[in-house]
Full PDB file with SEQRES, HELIX, SHEET, SSBOND, CRYST1, ORIGX, SCALE, CONECT and MASTER records, all heavy atoms in Angstrom:
SEQRES   1 A   36  LYS GLU ARG GLU PHE VAL ALA ALA ILE THR SER ILE SER          
SEQRES   2 A   36  THR THR THR TYR TYR ALA ASP PHE VAL GLN GLY ARG PHE          
SEQRES   3 A   36  THR ILE SER ARG ASP ASP ASP LYS ASN THR                      
HELIX    1 AA1 ASP A   20  VAL A   22  5                                   3    
SHEET    1 AA1 2 ALA A   7  ILE A   9  0                                        
SHEET    2 AA1 2 THR A  16  TYR A  18 -1                                        
CRYST1    1.000    1.000    1.000  90.00  90.00  90.00 P 1           1          
ORIGX1      1.000000  0.000000  0.000000        0.00000                         
ORIGX2      0.000000  1.000000  0.000000        0.00000                         
ORIGX3      0.000000  0.000000  1.000000        0.00000                         
SCALE1      1.000000  0.000000  0.000000        0.00000                         
SCALE2      0.000000  1.000000  0.000000        0.00000                         
SCALE3      0.000000  0.000000  1.000000        0.00000                         
ATOM      1  N   LYS A   1     177.495 114.887  43.868  1.00  0.00           N  
ATOM      2  CA  LYS A   1     176.932 114.771  45.197  1.00  0.00           C  
ATOM      3  C   LYS A   1     176.500 116.033  45.794  1.00  0.00           C  
ATOM      4  O   LYS A   1     176.927 117.082  45.339  1.00  0.00           O  
ATOM      5  CB  LYS A   1     178.020 114.062  46.135  1.00  0.00           C  
ATOM      6  CG  LYS A   1     178.435 112.601  45.747  1.00  0.00           C  
ATOM      7  CD  LYS A   1     179.377 112.023  46.832  1.00  0.00           C  
ATOM      8  CE  LYS A   1     179.613 110.565  46.458  1.00  0.00           C  
ATOM      9  NZ  LYS A   1     180.579 110.010  47.420  1.00  0.00           N  
ATOM     10  N   GLU A   2     175.736 115.919  46.863  1.00  0.00           N  
ATOM     11  CA  GLU A   2     175.291 117.144  47.496  1.00  0.00           C  
ATOM     12  C   GLU A   2     176.455 117.731  48.424  1.00  0.00           C  
ATOM     13  O   GLU A   2     177.312 116.939  48.831  1.00  0.00           O  
ATOM     14  CB  GLU A   2     174.103 116.850  48.374  1.00  0.00           C  
ATOM     15  CG  GLU A   2     172.786 116.552  47.508  1.00  0.00           C  
ATOM     16  CD  GLU A   2     171.540 116.406  48.406  1.00  0.00           C  
ATOM     17  OE1 GLU A   2     171.664 116.432  49.662  1.00  0.00           O  
ATOM     18  OE2 GLU A   2     170.477 116.242  47.753  1.00  0.00           O  
ATOM     19  N   ARG A   3     176.387 118.991  48.627  1.00  0.00           N  
ATOM     20  CA  ARG A   3     177.314 119.522  49.571  1.00  0.00           C  
ATOM     21  C   ARG A   3     177.106 119.044  51.058  1.00  0.00           C  
ATOM     22  O   ARG A   3     175.952 118.870  51.421  1.00  0.00           O  
ATOM     23  CB  ARG A   3     177.190 121.123  49.547  1.00  0.00           C  
ATOM     24  CG  ARG A   3     178.326 121.886  50.304  1.00  0.00           C  
ATOM     25  CD  ARG A   3     178.499 123.243  49.731  1.00  0.00           C  
ATOM     26  NE  ARG A   3     177.357 124.015  49.827  1.00  0.00           N  
ATOM     27  CZ  ARG A   3     177.205 125.243  49.317  1.00  0.00           C  
ATOM     28  NH1 ARG A   3     178.199 125.834  48.774  1.00  0.00           N  
ATOM     29  NH2 ARG A   3     176.059 125.914  49.437  1.00  0.00           N  
ATOM     30  N   GLU A   4     178.205 118.709  51.776  1.00  0.00           N  
ATOM     31  CA  GLU A   4     178.159 118.183  53.089  1.00  0.00           C  
ATOM     32  C   GLU A   4     179.041 118.868  54.060  1.00  0.00           C  
ATOM     33  O   GLU A   4     180.024 119.498  53.712  1.00  0.00           O  
ATOM     34  CB  GLU A   4     178.495 116.699  52.995  1.00  0.00           C  
ATOM     35  CG  GLU A   4     179.859 116.358  52.573  1.00  0.00           C  
ATOM     36  CD  GLU A   4     180.243 114.934  52.542  1.00  0.00           C  
ATOM     37  OE1 GLU A   4     179.420 114.057  53.048  1.00  0.00           O  
ATOM     38  OE2 GLU A   4     181.353 114.552  52.054  1.00  0.00           O  
ATOM     39  N   PHE A   5     178.638 118.762  55.238  1.00  0.00           N  
ATOM     40  CA  PHE A   5     179.324 119.396  56.326  1.00  0.00           C  
ATOM     41  C   PHE A   5     180.686 118.647  56.645  1.00  0.00           C  
ATOM     42  O   PHE A   5     180.725 117.473  56.532  1.00  0.00           O  
ATOM     43  CB  PHE A   5     178.475 119.343  57.612  1.00  0.00           C  
ATOM     44  CG  PHE A   5     179.201 119.755  58.837  1.00  0.00           C  
ATOM     45  CD1 PHE A   5     179.550 121.027  59.173  1.00  0.00           C  
ATOM     46  CD2 PHE A   5     179.531 118.719  59.784  1.00  0.00           C  
ATOM     47  CE1 PHE A   5     180.215 121.387  60.365  1.00  0.00           C  
ATOM     48  CE2 PHE A   5     180.276 119.009  60.954  1.00  0.00           C  
ATOM     49  CZ  PHE A   5     180.575 120.272  61.195  1.00  0.00           C  
ATOM     50  N   VAL A   6     181.696 119.536  56.957  1.00  0.00           N  
ATOM     51  CA  VAL A   6     183.072 118.855  57.226  1.00  0.00           C  
ATOM     52  C   VAL A   6     183.397 119.293  58.673  1.00  0.00           C  
ATOM     53  O   VAL A   6     183.704 118.362  59.521  1.00  0.00           O  
ATOM     54  CB  VAL A   6     184.138 119.398  56.308  1.00  0.00           C  
ATOM     55  CG1 VAL A   6     185.397 118.882  56.680  1.00  0.00           C  
ATOM     56  CG2 VAL A   6     183.761 119.082  54.869  1.00  0.00           C  
ATOM     57  N   ALA A   7     183.419 120.510  58.981  1.00  0.00           N  
ATOM     58  CA  ALA A   7     183.882 121.005  60.291  1.00  0.00           C  
ATOM     59  C   ALA A   7     183.288 122.375  60.667  1.00  0.00           C  
ATOM     60  O   ALA A   7     182.976 123.078  59.706  1.00  0.00           O  
ATOM     61  CB  ALA A   7     185.357 121.000  60.287  1.00  0.00           C  
ATOM     62  N   ALA A   8     183.231 122.671  61.918  1.00  0.00           N  
ATOM     63  CA  ALA A   8     182.813 124.057  62.319  1.00  0.00           C  
ATOM     64  C   ALA A   8     183.400 124.429  63.512  1.00  0.00           C  
ATOM     65  O   ALA A   8     183.899 123.586  64.375  1.00  0.00           O  
ATOM     66  CB  ALA A   8     181.251 124.030  62.417  1.00  0.00           C  
ATOM     67  N   ILE A   9     183.463 125.788  63.835  1.00  0.00           N  
ATOM     68  CA  ILE A   9     184.072 126.310  65.082  1.00  0.00           C  
ATOM     69  C   ILE A   9     183.169 127.442  65.490  1.00  0.00           C  
ATOM     70  O   ILE A   9     182.760 128.269  64.762  1.00  0.00           O  
ATOM     71  CB  ILE A   9     185.599 126.770  64.837  1.00  0.00           C  
ATOM     72  CG1 ILE A   9     186.143 127.210  66.179  1.00  0.00           C  
ATOM     73  CG2 ILE A   9     185.583 127.829  63.761  1.00  0.00           C  
ATOM     74  CD1 ILE A   9     187.671 127.388  66.054  1.00  0.00           C  
ATOM     75  N   THR A  10     182.820 127.359  66.802  1.00  0.00           N  
ATOM     76  CA  THR A  10     181.917 128.451  67.267  1.00  0.00           C  
ATOM     77  C   THR A  10     182.638 129.706  67.550  1.00  0.00           C  
ATOM     78  O   THR A  10     183.735 129.773  67.674  1.00  0.00           O  
ATOM     79  CB  THR A  10     181.192 127.900  68.575  1.00  0.00           C  
ATOM     80  OG1 THR A  10     182.305 127.690  69.557  1.00  0.00           O  
ATOM     81  CG2 THR A  10     180.476 126.601  68.335  1.00  0.00           C  
ATOM     82  N   SER A  11     181.808 130.825  67.526  1.00  0.00           N  
ATOM     83  CA  SER A  11     182.360 132.063  67.632  1.00  0.00           C  
ATOM     84  C   SER A  11     182.996 132.505  69.096  1.00  0.00           C  
ATOM     85  O   SER A  11     183.990 133.043  69.123  1.00  0.00           O  
ATOM     86  CB  SER A  11     181.257 133.153  67.283  1.00  0.00           C  
ATOM     87  OG  SER A  11     180.149 133.068  68.193  1.00  0.00           O  
ATOM     88  N   ILE A  12     182.299 132.102  70.083  1.00  0.00           N  
ATOM     89  CA  ILE A  12     182.780 132.556  71.384  1.00  0.00           C  
ATOM     90  C   ILE A  12     183.668 131.544  72.071  1.00  0.00           C  
ATOM     91  O   ILE A  12     184.802 131.791  72.435  1.00  0.00           O  
ATOM     92  CB  ILE A  12     181.506 132.764  72.321  1.00  0.00           C  
ATOM     93  CG1 ILE A  12     180.579 133.912  71.686  1.00  0.00           C  
ATOM     94  CG2 ILE A  12     181.911 133.194  73.741  1.00  0.00           C  
ATOM     95  CD1 ILE A  12     179.282 134.103  72.446  1.00  0.00           C  
ATOM     96  N   SER A  13     183.247 130.290  72.237  1.00  0.00           N  
ATOM     97  CA  SER A  13     183.960 129.275  72.963  1.00  0.00           C  
ATOM     98  C   SER A  13     184.992 128.562  72.087  1.00  0.00           C  
ATOM     99  O   SER A  13     185.834 127.901  72.617  1.00  0.00           O  
ATOM    100  CB  SER A  13     183.051 128.248  73.520  1.00  0.00           C  
ATOM    101  OG  SER A  13     182.333 127.600  72.491  1.00  0.00           O  
ATOM    102  N   THR A  14     184.894 128.839  70.761  1.00  0.00           N  
ATOM    103  CA  THR A  14     185.832 128.056  69.720  1.00  0.00           C  
ATOM    104  C   THR A  14     185.708 126.525  69.991  1.00  0.00           C  
ATOM    105  O   THR A  14     186.609 125.858  69.681  1.00  0.00           O  
ATOM    106  CB  THR A  14     187.319 128.545  69.805  1.00  0.00           C  
ATOM    107  OG1 THR A  14     187.817 128.210  71.165  1.00  0.00           O  
ATOM    108  CG2 THR A  14     187.436 129.971  69.648  1.00  0.00           C  
ATOM    109  N   THR A  15     184.558 126.046  70.276  1.00  0.00           N  
ATOM    110  CA  THR A  15     184.301 124.660  70.287  1.00  0.00           C  
ATOM    111  C   THR A  15     184.284 124.208  68.908  1.00  0.00           C  
ATOM    112  O   THR A  15     183.720 124.891  67.957  1.00  0.00           O  
ATOM    113  CB  THR A  15     183.019 124.366  71.033  1.00  0.00           C  
ATOM    114  OG1 THR A  15     182.994 124.878  72.320  1.00  0.00           O  
ATOM    115  CG2 THR A  15     182.699 122.869  71.078  1.00  0.00           C  
ATOM    116  N   THR A  16     184.822 123.008  68.673  1.00  0.00           N  
ATOM    117  CA  THR A  16     184.889 122.457  67.230  1.00  0.00           C  
ATOM    118  C   THR A  16     183.934 121.253  67.100  1.00  0.00           C  
ATOM    119  O   THR A  16     183.764 120.554  68.049  1.00  0.00           O  
ATOM    120  CB  THR A  16     186.289 122.124  66.863  1.00  0.00           C  
ATOM    121  OG1 THR A  16     186.767 121.169  67.823  1.00  0.00           O  
ATOM    122  CG2 THR A  16     187.157 123.344  66.867  1.00  0.00           C  
ATOM    123  N   TYR A  17     183.510 121.130  65.934  1.00  0.00           N  
ATOM    124  CA  TYR A  17     182.593 119.946  65.548  1.00  0.00           C  
ATOM    125  C   TYR A  17     183.053 119.442  64.229  1.00  0.00           C  
ATOM    126  O   TYR A  17     183.559 120.167  63.292  1.00  0.00           O  
ATOM    127  CB  TYR A  17     181.155 120.477  65.336  1.00  0.00           C  
ATOM    128  CG  TYR A  17     180.536 120.878  66.689  1.00  0.00           C  
ATOM    129  CD1 TYR A  17     180.741 122.202  67.191  1.00  0.00           C  
ATOM    130  CD2 TYR A  17     179.793 119.991  67.454  1.00  0.00           C  
ATOM    131  CE1 TYR A  17     180.137 122.610  68.405  1.00  0.00           C  
ATOM    132  CE2 TYR A  17     179.168 120.407  68.615  1.00  0.00           C  
ATOM    133  CZ  TYR A  17     179.439 121.758  69.120  1.00  0.00           C  
ATOM    134  OH  TYR A  17     178.843 122.146  70.227  1.00  0.00           O  
ATOM    135  N   TYR A  18     182.964 118.095  64.050  1.00  0.00           N  
ATOM    136  CA  TYR A  18     183.463 117.443  62.836  1.00  0.00           C  
ATOM    137  C   TYR A  18     182.453 116.457  62.293  1.00  0.00           C  
ATOM    138  O   TYR A  18     181.696 115.848  63.089  1.00  0.00           O  
ATOM    139  CB  TYR A  18     184.790 116.746  63.098  1.00  0.00           C  
ATOM    140  CG  TYR A  18     185.903 117.673  63.456  1.00  0.00           C  
ATOM    141  CD1 TYR A  18     186.195 117.855  64.817  1.00  0.00           C  
ATOM    142  CD2 TYR A  18     186.632 118.352  62.462  1.00  0.00           C  
ATOM    143  CE1 TYR A  18     187.187 118.870  65.139  1.00  0.00           C  
ATOM    144  CE2 TYR A  18     187.677 119.177  62.935  1.00  0.00           C  
ATOM    145  CZ  TYR A  18     187.927 119.482  64.230  1.00  0.00           C  
ATOM    146  OH  TYR A  18     188.948 120.240  64.583  1.00  0.00           O  
ATOM    147  N   ALA A  19     182.451 116.171  61.022  1.00  0.00           N  
ATOM    148  CA  ALA A  19     181.695 115.230  60.420  1.00  0.00           C  
ATOM    149  C   ALA A  19     182.342 113.861  60.847  1.00  0.00           C  
ATOM    150  O   ALA A  19     183.516 113.736  61.183  1.00  0.00           O  
ATOM    151  CB  ALA A  19     181.684 115.232  58.976  1.00  0.00           C  
ATOM    152  N   ASP A  20     181.458 112.837  60.881  1.00  0.00           N  
ATOM    153  CA  ASP A  20     181.967 111.492  61.272  1.00  0.00           C  
ATOM    154  C   ASP A  20     183.098 111.007  60.396  1.00  0.00           C  
ATOM    155  O   ASP A  20     184.002 110.371  60.917  1.00  0.00           O  
ATOM    156  CB  ASP A  20     180.752 110.585  61.244  1.00  0.00           C  
ATOM    157  CG  ASP A  20     179.812 110.783  62.410  1.00  0.00           C  
ATOM    158  OD1 ASP A  20     180.210 111.524  63.414  1.00  0.00           O  
ATOM    159  OD2 ASP A  20     178.648 110.250  62.336  1.00  0.00           O  
ATOM    160  N   PHE A  21     183.024 111.269  59.134  1.00  0.00           N  
ATOM    161  CA  PHE A  21     183.990 110.761  58.195  1.00  0.00           C  
ATOM    162  C   PHE A  21     185.463 111.317  58.423  1.00  0.00           C  
ATOM    163  O   PHE A  21     186.408 110.840  57.932  1.00  0.00           O  
ATOM    164  CB  PHE A  21     183.548 110.984  56.720  1.00  0.00           C  
ATOM    165  CG  PHE A  21     183.421 112.402  56.349  1.00  0.00           C  
ATOM    166  CD1 PHE A  21     184.624 113.198  56.099  1.00  0.00           C  
ATOM    167  CD2 PHE A  21     182.253 113.011  56.138  1.00  0.00           C  
ATOM    168  CE1 PHE A  21     184.455 114.496  55.674  1.00  0.00           C  
ATOM    169  CE2 PHE A  21     182.038 114.335  55.817  1.00  0.00           C  
ATOM    170  CZ  PHE A  21     183.220 115.006  55.467  1.00  0.00           C  
ATOM    171  N   VAL A  22     185.503 112.475  59.217  1.00  0.00           N  
ATOM    172  CA  VAL A  22     186.799 113.046  59.418  1.00  0.00           C  
ATOM    173  C   VAL A  22     187.654 112.186  60.209  1.00  0.00           C  
ATOM    174  O   VAL A  22     188.799 112.042  59.978  1.00  0.00           O  
ATOM    175  CB  VAL A  22     186.592 114.478  60.098  1.00  0.00           C  
ATOM    176  CG1 VAL A  22     187.908 114.913  60.635  1.00  0.00           C  
ATOM    177  CG2 VAL A  22     185.975 115.431  59.157  1.00  0.00           C  
ATOM    178  N   GLN A  23     187.071 111.584  61.245  1.00  0.00           N  
ATOM    179  CA  GLN A  23     187.804 110.502  62.061  1.00  0.00           C  
ATOM    180  C   GLN A  23     189.152 110.957  62.609  1.00  0.00           C  
ATOM    181  O   GLN A  23     190.146 110.233  62.423  1.00  0.00           O  
ATOM    182  CB  GLN A  23     187.941 109.232  61.312  1.00  0.00           C  
ATOM    183  CG  GLN A  23     186.585 108.590  60.846  1.00  0.00           C  
ATOM    184  CD  GLN A  23     186.768 107.340  60.004  1.00  0.00           C  
ATOM    185  OE1 GLN A  23     187.663 107.319  59.201  1.00  0.00           O  
ATOM    186  NE2 GLN A  23     185.880 106.412  60.142  1.00  0.00           N  
ATOM    187  N   GLY A  24     189.235 112.168  63.032  1.00  0.00           N  
ATOM    188  CA  GLY A  24     190.487 112.624  63.637  1.00  0.00           C  
ATOM    189  C   GLY A  24     191.509 113.146  62.646  1.00  0.00           C  
ATOM    190  O   GLY A  24     192.646 113.469  63.097  1.00  0.00           O  
ATOM    191  N   ARG A  25     191.182 113.070  61.438  1.00  0.00           N  
ATOM    192  CA  ARG A  25     192.193 113.517  60.330  1.00  0.00           C  
ATOM    193  C   ARG A  25     192.220 115.012  60.061  1.00  0.00           C  
ATOM    194  O   ARG A  25     193.305 115.533  59.717  1.00  0.00           O  
ATOM    195  CB  ARG A  25     191.837 112.669  59.062  1.00  0.00           C  
ATOM    196  CG  ARG A  25     191.801 111.342  59.189  1.00  0.00           C  
ATOM    197  CD  ARG A  25     191.526 110.499  57.866  1.00  0.00           C  
ATOM    198  NE  ARG A  25     190.146 111.006  57.392  1.00  0.00           N  
ATOM    199  CZ  ARG A  25     189.860 111.460  56.121  1.00  0.00           C  
ATOM    200  NH1 ARG A  25     190.844 111.677  55.334  1.00  0.00           N  
ATOM    201  NH2 ARG A  25     188.642 111.772  55.805  1.00  0.00           N  
ATOM    202  N   PHE A  26     191.240 115.700  60.392  1.00  0.00           N  
ATOM    203  CA  PHE A  26     191.133 117.162  60.022  1.00  0.00           C  
ATOM    204  C   PHE A  26     191.045 117.944  61.254  1.00  0.00           C  
ATOM    205  O   PHE A  26     190.503 117.515  62.258  1.00  0.00           O  
ATOM    206  CB  PHE A  26     189.858 117.451  59.207  1.00  0.00           C  
ATOM    207  CG  PHE A  26     189.822 116.777  57.878  1.00  0.00           C  
ATOM    208  CD1 PHE A  26     188.692 117.003  57.056  1.00  0.00           C  
ATOM    209  CD2 PHE A  26     190.742 116.018  57.344  1.00  0.00           C  
ATOM    210  CE1 PHE A  26     188.568 116.454  55.736  1.00  0.00           C  
ATOM    211  CE2 PHE A  26     190.782 115.432  56.104  1.00  0.00           C  
ATOM    212  CZ  PHE A  26     189.637 115.623  55.354  1.00  0.00           C  
ATOM    213  N   THR A  27     191.553 119.160  61.290  1.00  0.00           N  
ATOM    214  CA  THR A  27     191.544 120.055  62.374  1.00  0.00           C  
ATOM    215  C   THR A  27     191.099 121.447  61.918  1.00  0.00           C  
ATOM    216  O   THR A  27     191.807 122.030  61.055  1.00  0.00           O  
ATOM    217  CB  THR A  27     192.806 120.141  63.202  1.00  0.00           C  
ATOM    218  OG1 THR A  27     193.213 118.877  63.627  1.00  0.00           O  
ATOM    219  CG2 THR A  27     192.696 121.072  64.391  1.00  0.00           C  
ATOM    220  N   ILE A  28     190.065 122.016  62.483  1.00  0.00           N  
ATOM    221  CA  ILE A  28     189.615 123.397  62.143  1.00  0.00           C  
ATOM    222  C   ILE A  28     190.097 124.258  63.238  1.00  0.00           C  
ATOM    223  O   ILE A  28     190.127 123.956  64.381  1.00  0.00           O  
ATOM    224  CB  ILE A  28     188.027 123.441  62.035  1.00  0.00           C  
ATOM    225  CG1 ILE A  28     187.729 124.878  61.509  1.00  0.00           C  
ATOM    226  CG2 ILE A  28     187.340 123.119  63.315  1.00  0.00           C  
ATOM    227  CD1 ILE A  28     186.216 125.017  61.183  1.00  0.00           C  
ATOM    228  N   SER A  29     190.619 125.460  62.786  1.00  0.00           N  
ATOM    229  CA  SER A  29     191.149 126.374  63.860  1.00  0.00           C  
ATOM    230  C   SER A  29     190.874 127.830  63.299  1.00  0.00           C  
ATOM    231  O   SER A  29     190.621 128.003  62.173  1.00  0.00           O  
ATOM    232  CB  SER A  29     192.616 126.206  64.045  1.00  0.00           C  
ATOM    233  OG  SER A  29     193.335 126.280  62.829  1.00  0.00           O  
ATOM    234  N   ARG A  30     191.128 128.736  64.260  1.00  0.00           N  
ATOM    235  CA  ARG A  30     190.866 130.158  63.931  1.00  0.00           C  
ATOM    236  C   ARG A  30     192.086 130.991  64.377  1.00  0.00           C  
ATOM    237  O   ARG A  30     192.579 130.776  65.441  1.00  0.00           O  
ATOM    238  CB  ARG A  30     189.616 130.618  64.611  1.00  0.00           C  
ATOM    239  CG  ARG A  30     189.085 132.033  64.026  1.00  0.00           C  
ATOM    240  CD  ARG A  30     187.720 132.306  64.720  1.00  0.00           C  
ATOM    241  NE  ARG A  30     187.988 132.694  66.093  1.00  0.00           N  
ATOM    242  CZ  ARG A  30     187.109 132.569  67.090  1.00  0.00           C  
ATOM    243  NH1 ARG A  30     185.944 132.050  66.808  1.00  0.00           N  
ATOM    244  NH2 ARG A  30     187.403 132.989  68.287  1.00  0.00           N  
ATOM    245  N   ASP A  31     192.483 131.860  63.507  1.00  0.00           N  
ATOM    246  CA  ASP A  31     193.550 132.805  63.927  1.00  0.00           C  
ATOM    247  C   ASP A  31     193.025 134.173  63.878  1.00  0.00           C  
ATOM    248  O   ASP A  31     192.715 134.852  62.851  1.00  0.00           O  
ATOM    249  CB  ASP A  31     194.680 132.710  62.904  1.00  0.00           C  
ATOM    250  CG  ASP A  31     195.888 133.558  63.314  1.00  0.00           C  
ATOM    251  OD1 ASP A  31     195.736 134.608  63.921  1.00  0.00           O  
ATOM    252  OD2 ASP A  31     197.025 133.152  62.971  1.00  0.00           O  
ATOM    253  N   ASP A  32     192.698 134.703  65.140  1.00  0.00           N  
ATOM    254  CA  ASP A  32     192.059 136.029  65.260  1.00  0.00           C  
ATOM    255  C   ASP A  32     192.912 137.202  64.690  1.00  0.00           C  
ATOM    256  O   ASP A  32     192.445 138.159  64.264  1.00  0.00           O  
ATOM    257  CB  ASP A  32     191.645 136.287  66.695  1.00  0.00           C  
ATOM    258  CG  ASP A  32     190.529 135.240  67.143  1.00  0.00           C  
ATOM    259  OD1 ASP A  32     189.905 134.667  66.247  1.00  0.00           O  
ATOM    260  OD2 ASP A  32     190.313 135.176  68.345  1.00  0.00           O  
ATOM    261  N   ASP A  33     194.239 137.038  64.943  1.00  0.00           N  
ATOM    262  CA  ASP A  33     195.173 138.146  64.473  1.00  0.00           C  
ATOM    263  C   ASP A  33     195.079 138.207  62.952  1.00  0.00           C  
ATOM    264  O   ASP A  33     195.136 139.312  62.423  1.00  0.00           O  
ATOM    265  CB  ASP A  33     196.576 137.798  64.985  1.00  0.00           C  
ATOM    266  CG  ASP A  33     196.730 138.027  66.426  1.00  0.00           C  
ATOM    267  OD1 ASP A  33     195.827 138.763  67.002  1.00  0.00           O  
ATOM    268  OD2 ASP A  33     197.644 137.374  67.019  1.00  0.00           O  
ATOM    269  N   LYS A  34     195.120 137.106  62.271  1.00  0.00           N  
ATOM    270  CA  LYS A  34     195.079 137.018  60.792  1.00  0.00           C  
ATOM    271  C   LYS A  34     193.761 137.068  60.263  1.00  0.00           C  
ATOM    272  O   LYS A  34     193.557 137.228  59.021  1.00  0.00           O  
ATOM    273  CB  LYS A  34     195.867 135.810  60.264  1.00  0.00           C  
ATOM    274  CG  LYS A  34     197.280 135.781  60.555  1.00  0.00           C  
ATOM    275  CD  LYS A  34     197.982 134.458  60.034  1.00  0.00           C  
ATOM    276  CE  LYS A  34     199.436 134.463  60.352  1.00  0.00           C  
ATOM    277  NZ  LYS A  34     200.103 133.250  59.754  1.00  0.00           N  
ATOM    278  N   ASN A  35     192.722 136.935  61.199  1.00  0.00           N  
ATOM    279  CA  ASN A  35     191.273 136.939  60.699  1.00  0.00           C  
ATOM    280  C   ASN A  35     190.933 135.803  59.744  1.00  0.00           C  
ATOM    281  O   ASN A  35     190.293 136.070  58.651  1.00  0.00           O  
ATOM    282  CB  ASN A  35     190.934 138.275  59.961  1.00  0.00           C  
ATOM    283  CG  ASN A  35     189.524 138.779  60.357  1.00  0.00           C  
ATOM    284  OD1 ASN A  35     189.113 138.693  61.540  1.00  0.00           O  
ATOM    285  ND2 ASN A  35     188.751 139.096  59.389  1.00  0.00           N  
ATOM    286  N   THR A  36     191.479 134.625  59.989  1.00  0.00           N  
ATOM    287  CA  THR A  36     191.320 133.490  59.158  1.00  0.00           C  
ATOM    288  C   THR A  36     190.865 132.289  59.900  1.00  0.00           C  
ATOM    289  O   THR A  36     191.040 132.218  61.100  1.00  0.00           O  
ATOM    290  CB  THR A  36     192.745 133.174  58.438  1.00  0.00           C  
ATOM    291  OG1 THR A  36     193.633 132.843  59.471  1.00  0.00           O  
ATOM    292  CG2 THR A  36     193.155 134.220  57.490  1.00  0.00           C  
TER     293      THR A  36                                                      
MASTER        0    0    0    1    2    0    0    6  292    1    0    3          
END                                                                             
């Protein structure tokens, strides 16, 4: 299959976006201290 989008987080506002198939199961987050 082709590569597909799963989730994203914006740089400034940390707004998150998810693919429809995630359906609340996945959470993207950022740890600025750990740079991850």
